[in-house]
Amino acid sequence: MKSTGIIRRVDELGRVVIPIELRNQFNIVEKDPIEIYVDGSSIILKKFEPNCIFCGNTKDLHSYNEKLICEDCSKKIGNLTNEQ
């Protein structure tokens, strides 16, 4: 993990401002969803990107039963059902 040297205080509502330089670097704009992860004693923020529930791919996604699945996994599943 790389330190940015930037320090921010948590406000009375528990909010932390992400500096504009980092928002620009990671293409984060107002209203973008952010995922929060915990790794040991670290809190990790990541811009949320919808992904395939099977392989994690973020491209060519389709919705099936309110779940996202990529084109490749969709084809693989189609092949499984055709083989049976």
Protein backbone atom coordinates (compact mmCIF):
# COMPACT_ATOMS: atom_id res chain seq x y z
CA MET A 1 0.00 0.00 0.00
CA LYS A 2 1.36 3.44 -0.95
CA SER A 3 0.96 6.48 1.30
CA THR A 4 -0.32 9.68 -0.31
CA GLY A 5 0.85 11.89 2.54
CA ILE A 6 -2.68 13.36 2.72
CA ILE A 7 -4.38 13.47 6.12
CA ARG A 8 -8.05 14.27 6.63
CA ARG A 9 -10.12 14.47 9.81
CA VAL A 10 -13.40 12.64 10.28
CA ASP A 11 -16.24 15.13 10.84
CA GLU A 12 -19.02 14.86 13.44
CA LEU A 13 -21.13 12.77 11.02
CA GLY A 14 -18.29 10.29 10.31
CA ARG A 15 -17.49 11.71 6.87
CA VAL A 16 -14.05 12.03 5.29
CA VAL A 17 -13.40 14.19 2.21
CA ILE A 18 -11.54 12.45 -0.61
CA PRO A 19 -9.12 15.02 -2.07
CA ILE A 20 -9.82 16.24 -5.61
CA GLU A 21 -6.46 14.93 -6.84
CA LEU A 22 -7.41 11.38 -5.85
CA ARG A 23 -10.95 11.73 -7.19
CA ASN A 24 -9.53 12.86 -10.53
CA GLN A 25 -6.91 10.09 -10.57
CA PHE A 26 -9.57 7.41 -10.02
CA ASN A 27 -12.31 9.11 -12.06
CA ILE A 28 -14.63 9.48 -9.05
CA VAL A 29 -17.40 12.05 -9.48
CA GLU A 30 -20.26 13.23 -7.29
CA LYS A 31 -22.80 10.45 -6.54
CA ASP A 32 -20.44 7.62 -7.60
CA PRO A 33 -20.86 4.55 -5.38
CA ILE A 34 -17.79 3.64 -3.31
CA GLU A 35 -17.16 0.15 -1.89
CA ILE A 36 -15.64 -0.14 1.57
CA TYR A 37 -13.32 -3.05 2.40
CA VAL A 38 -11.48 -3.99 5.58
CA ASP A 39 -8.06 -5.67 5.43
CA GLY A 40 -6.66 -6.26 8.90
CA SER A 41 -6.41 -2.81 10.44
CA SER A 42 -6.82 -0.98 7.10
CA ILE A 43 -9.96 0.53 5.57
CA ILE A 44 -9.90 0.47 1.77
CA LEU A 45 -12.15 2.59 -0.44
CA LYS A 46 -12.74 1.50 -4.03
CA LYS A 47 -14.92 2.96 -6.75
CA PHE A 48 -17.74 0.47 -7.27
CA GLU A 49 -17.86 -1.19 -10.68
CA PRO A 50 -20.64 -3.65 -11.43
CA ASN A 51 -19.17 -7.04 -12.34
CA CYS A 52 -20.05 -10.57 -13.37
CA ILE A 53 -21.10 -12.70 -10.40
CA PHE A 54 -19.02 -15.61 -11.70
CA CYS A 55 -15.71 -14.22 -13.00
CA GLY A 56 -15.66 -10.55 -11.91
CA ASN A 57 -15.46 -9.20 -15.47
CA THR A 58 -16.77 -5.62 -15.81
CA LYS A 59 -17.37 -5.62 -19.59
CA ASP A 60 -20.34 -6.82 -21.68
CA LEU A 61 -22.65 -7.37 -18.69
CA HIS A 62 -26.24 -8.57 -18.96
CA SER A 63 -28.84 -8.82 -16.22
CA TYR A 64 -30.36 -12.23 -15.49
CA ASN A 65 -32.72 -12.65 -12.53
CA GLU A 66 -31.41 -9.33 -11.15
CA LYS A 67 -27.80 -10.62 -11.26
CA LEU A 68 -25.09 -9.44 -13.64
CA ILE A 69 -23.37 -11.96 -15.88
CA CYS A 70 -20.83 -11.32 -18.63
CA GLU A 71 -21.13 -12.54 -22.22
CA ASP A 72 -18.39 -15.17 -21.80
CA CYS A 73 -19.94 -16.76 -18.69
CA SER A 74 -23.37 -16.64 -20.33
CA LYS A 75 -22.00 -18.64 -23.27
CA LYS A 76 -20.28 -21.13 -20.94
CA ILE A 77 -23.52 -21.68 -19.03
CA GLY A 78 -25.34 -22.11 -22.34
CA ASN A 79 -22.81 -24.77 -23.32
CA LEU A 80 -23.33 -26.60 -20.01
CA THR A 81 -27.08 -26.79 -20.46
CA ASN A 82 -26.70 -27.92 -24.09
CA GLU A 83 -24.32 -30.75 -23.09
CA GLN A 84 -26.79 -32.33 -20.67
